Amino acid sequence: MLASEYVMVDASKTVGVAVQRGVLILRPTYAVFVPLTAAHEPSAAASTARDARMFVEALVSEPADVFDRRVEATWRTAGWWHGSPADTEVMFREVRLLGRFALVFKQGTGTISPTFGLPSALVAQVAPLVEQWHAHG
């Protein structure tokens, strides 16, 4: 799969006042949030983060359809957050004061967004994926 076909970025999931760190995987027709810690296992964060990134990095060498099937099977089994254009709003805009970009996925009362905003270096990669996301919505 080409690097332009997905983005993986450190992110936070917020529901009410609860915040959970994780990794956001963005594709044109879905987004998945991989939590780095369980509420009861904060000491597992480093190994879980490494495992999540290794999982995705191993899959990106596969064709896109294989990547999507493996990620879907995993998020269903693991209970990861999953969003699609049909059930999730996406907001993507520049935050001029900070020189970064806001990328926010909103589903119900929860949001997923890159930690400290999206670095400008990823904008060229994210913008087409968000355009495709909106086209599927």
Protein backbone atom coordinates (compact mmCIF):
# COMPACT_ATOMS: atom_id res chain seq x y z
CA MET A 1 0.00 0.00 0.00
CA LEU A 2 1.27 3.47 -0.79
CA ALA A 3 2.14 5.87 2.04
CA SER A 4 -0.38 8.33 0.55
CA GLU A 5 -3.21 5.86 1.18
CA TYR A 6 -3.13 5.98 4.99
CA VAL A 7 -1.98 8.12 7.90
CA MET A 8 -0.97 6.95 11.35
CA VAL A 9 -0.57 9.63 14.02
CA ASP A 10 -0.46 9.85 17.82
CA ALA A 11 -3.94 10.85 18.99
CA SER A 12 -6.25 11.26 21.94
CA LYS A 13 -9.79 10.00 22.41
CA THR A 14 -11.99 12.21 24.58
CA VAL A 15 -15.39 11.27 25.95
CA GLY A 16 -16.68 13.76 28.51
CA VAL A 17 -13.71 14.38 30.81
CA ALA A 18 -12.02 11.03 30.12
CA VAL A 19 -9.00 11.17 27.80
CA GLN A 20 -7.20 8.15 26.40
CA ARG A 21 -3.94 8.18 24.43
CA GLY A 22 -3.59 6.12 21.32
CA VAL A 23 -2.81 5.96 17.63
CA LEU A 24 -5.23 7.08 14.90
CA ILE A 25 -5.19 5.23 11.58
CA LEU A 26 -6.92 7.15 8.78
CA ARG A 27 -8.00 5.65 5.47
CA PRO A 28 -10.35 7.16 2.84
CA THR A 29 -13.41 5.27 4.13
CA TYR A 30 -12.67 4.66 7.81
CA ALA A 31 -10.65 5.68 10.82
CA VAL A 32 -9.57 3.46 13.71
CA PHE A 33 -8.32 4.53 17.13
CA VAL A 34 -5.91 2.06 18.72
CA PRO A 35 -5.74 2.74 22.47
CA LEU A 36 -2.26 2.63 23.94
CA THR A 37 -3.42 1.89 27.45
CA ALA A 38 -6.37 0.30 29.08
CA ALA A 39 -7.78 2.22 32.03
CA HIS A 40 -6.63 -0.55 34.35
CA GLU A 41 -3.20 -1.11 32.73
CA PRO A 42 -1.29 2.20 32.51
CA SER A 43 2.06 0.42 32.78
CA ALA A 44 1.44 -1.34 29.44
CA ALA A 45 1.48 1.91 27.43
CA ALA A 46 4.98 1.65 25.96
CA SER A 47 4.67 -1.94 24.78
CA THR A 48 1.15 -1.39 23.46
CA ALA A 49 2.23 1.71 21.52
CA ARG A 50 5.15 -0.17 20.04
CA ASP A 51 2.90 -3.16 19.19
CA ALA A 52 0.25 -0.96 17.54
CA ARG A 53 2.81 0.80 15.38
CA MET A 54 4.55 -2.47 14.49
CA PHE A 55 1.18 -4.01 13.55
CA VAL A 56 0.37 -1.15 11.16
CA GLU A 57 3.91 -0.92 9.76
CA ALA A 58 3.87 -4.65 9.03
CA LEU A 59 0.53 -4.36 7.22
CA VAL A 60 1.39 -1.39 5.01
CA SER A 61 3.51 -3.62 2.80
CA GLU A 62 0.29 -5.49 1.92
CA PRO A 63 -2.17 -4.40 -0.78
CA ALA A 64 -4.82 -1.95 0.48
CA ASP A 65 -7.63 -4.54 0.50
CA VAL A 66 -5.57 -6.94 2.65
CA PHE A 67 -4.64 -4.06 4.99
CA ASP A 68 -8.32 -3.10 5.36
CA ARG A 69 -9.47 -6.68 6.02
CA ARG A 70 -6.78 -7.25 8.67
CA VAL A 71 -7.44 -3.92 10.41
CA GLU A 72 -11.21 -4.56 10.37
CA ALA A 73 -10.81 -8.05 11.84
CA THR A 74 -8.56 -6.66 14.55
CA TRP A 75 -10.70 -3.65 15.53
CA ARG A 76 -13.80 -5.84 15.74
CA THR A 77 -12.04 -8.37 17.97
CA ALA A 78 -10.18 -5.83 20.11
CA GLY A 79 -13.09 -3.40 20.45
CA TRP A 80 -11.17 -0.42 19.09
CA TRP A 81 -13.05 2.76 18.18
CA HIS A 82 -14.04 2.78 14.51
CA GLY A 83 -15.53 5.62 12.49
CA SER A 84 -16.82 5.85 8.93
CA PRO A 85 -18.15 8.72 6.79
CA ALA A 86 -21.68 7.46 7.53
CA ASP A 87 -21.42 7.83 11.32
CA THR A 88 -18.56 10.24 12.03
CA GLU A 89 -18.12 13.96 11.35
CA VAL A 90 -14.66 15.19 10.35
CA MET A 91 -13.33 18.70 10.78
CA PHE A 92 -10.00 19.62 9.17
CA ARG A 93 -8.64 23.17 9.22
CA GLU A 94 -5.53 25.20 9.91
CA VAL A 95 -5.00 26.62 13.38
CA ARG A 96 -3.13 29.74 12.27
CA LEU A 97 -1.83 30.81 15.67
CA LEU A 98 -0.05 27.50 16.20
CA GLY A 99 0.98 26.70 12.63
CA ARG A 100 -0.61 23.27 13.00
CA PHE A 101 -3.85 21.78 11.71
CA ALA A 102 -6.90 20.59 13.58
CA LEU A 103 -8.20 17.18 12.55
CA VAL A 104 -11.16 16.12 14.67
CA PHE A 105 -13.35 13.05 14.31
CA LYS A 106 -16.64 13.41 16.20
CA GLN A 107 -18.91 10.48 16.87
CA GLY A 108 -21.67 10.90 19.45
CA THR A 109 -20.21 12.60 22.51
CA GLY A 110 -16.65 11.51 21.79
CA THR A 111 -13.86 12.97 19.70
CA ILE A 112 -10.58 11.66 18.34
CA SER A 113 -7.83 14.08 17.34
CA PRO A 114 -4.05 14.11 16.88
CA THR A 115 -2.19 14.96 20.05
CA PHE A 116 -1.23 18.66 19.92
CA GLY A 117 -2.80 18.99 16.46
CA LEU A 118 -1.63 17.65 13.14
CA PRO A 119 1.91 18.63 12.16
CA SER A 120 2.05 20.62 8.93
CA ALA A 121 4.36 17.95 7.47
CA LEU A 122 1.38 15.54 7.35
CA VAL A 123 -1.11 17.97 5.77
CA ALA A 124 -0.30 16.97 2.18
CA GLN A 125 -0.91 13.35 3.11
CA VAL A 126 -4.09 13.95 5.18
CA ALA A 127 -5.91 16.46 2.93
CA PRO A 128 -6.68 14.01 0.08
CA LEU A 129 -7.81 11.34 2.56
CA VAL A 130 -10.21 13.80 4.21
CA GLU A 131 -11.53 14.85 0.76
CA GLN A 132 -12.16 11.19 -0.06
CA TRP A 133 -13.80 10.73 3.37
CA HIS A 134 -16.23 13.59 2.63
CA ALA A 135 -16.93 12.18 -0.85
CA HIS A 136 -18.00 8.87 0.77
CA GLY A 137 -20.22 10.64 3.36
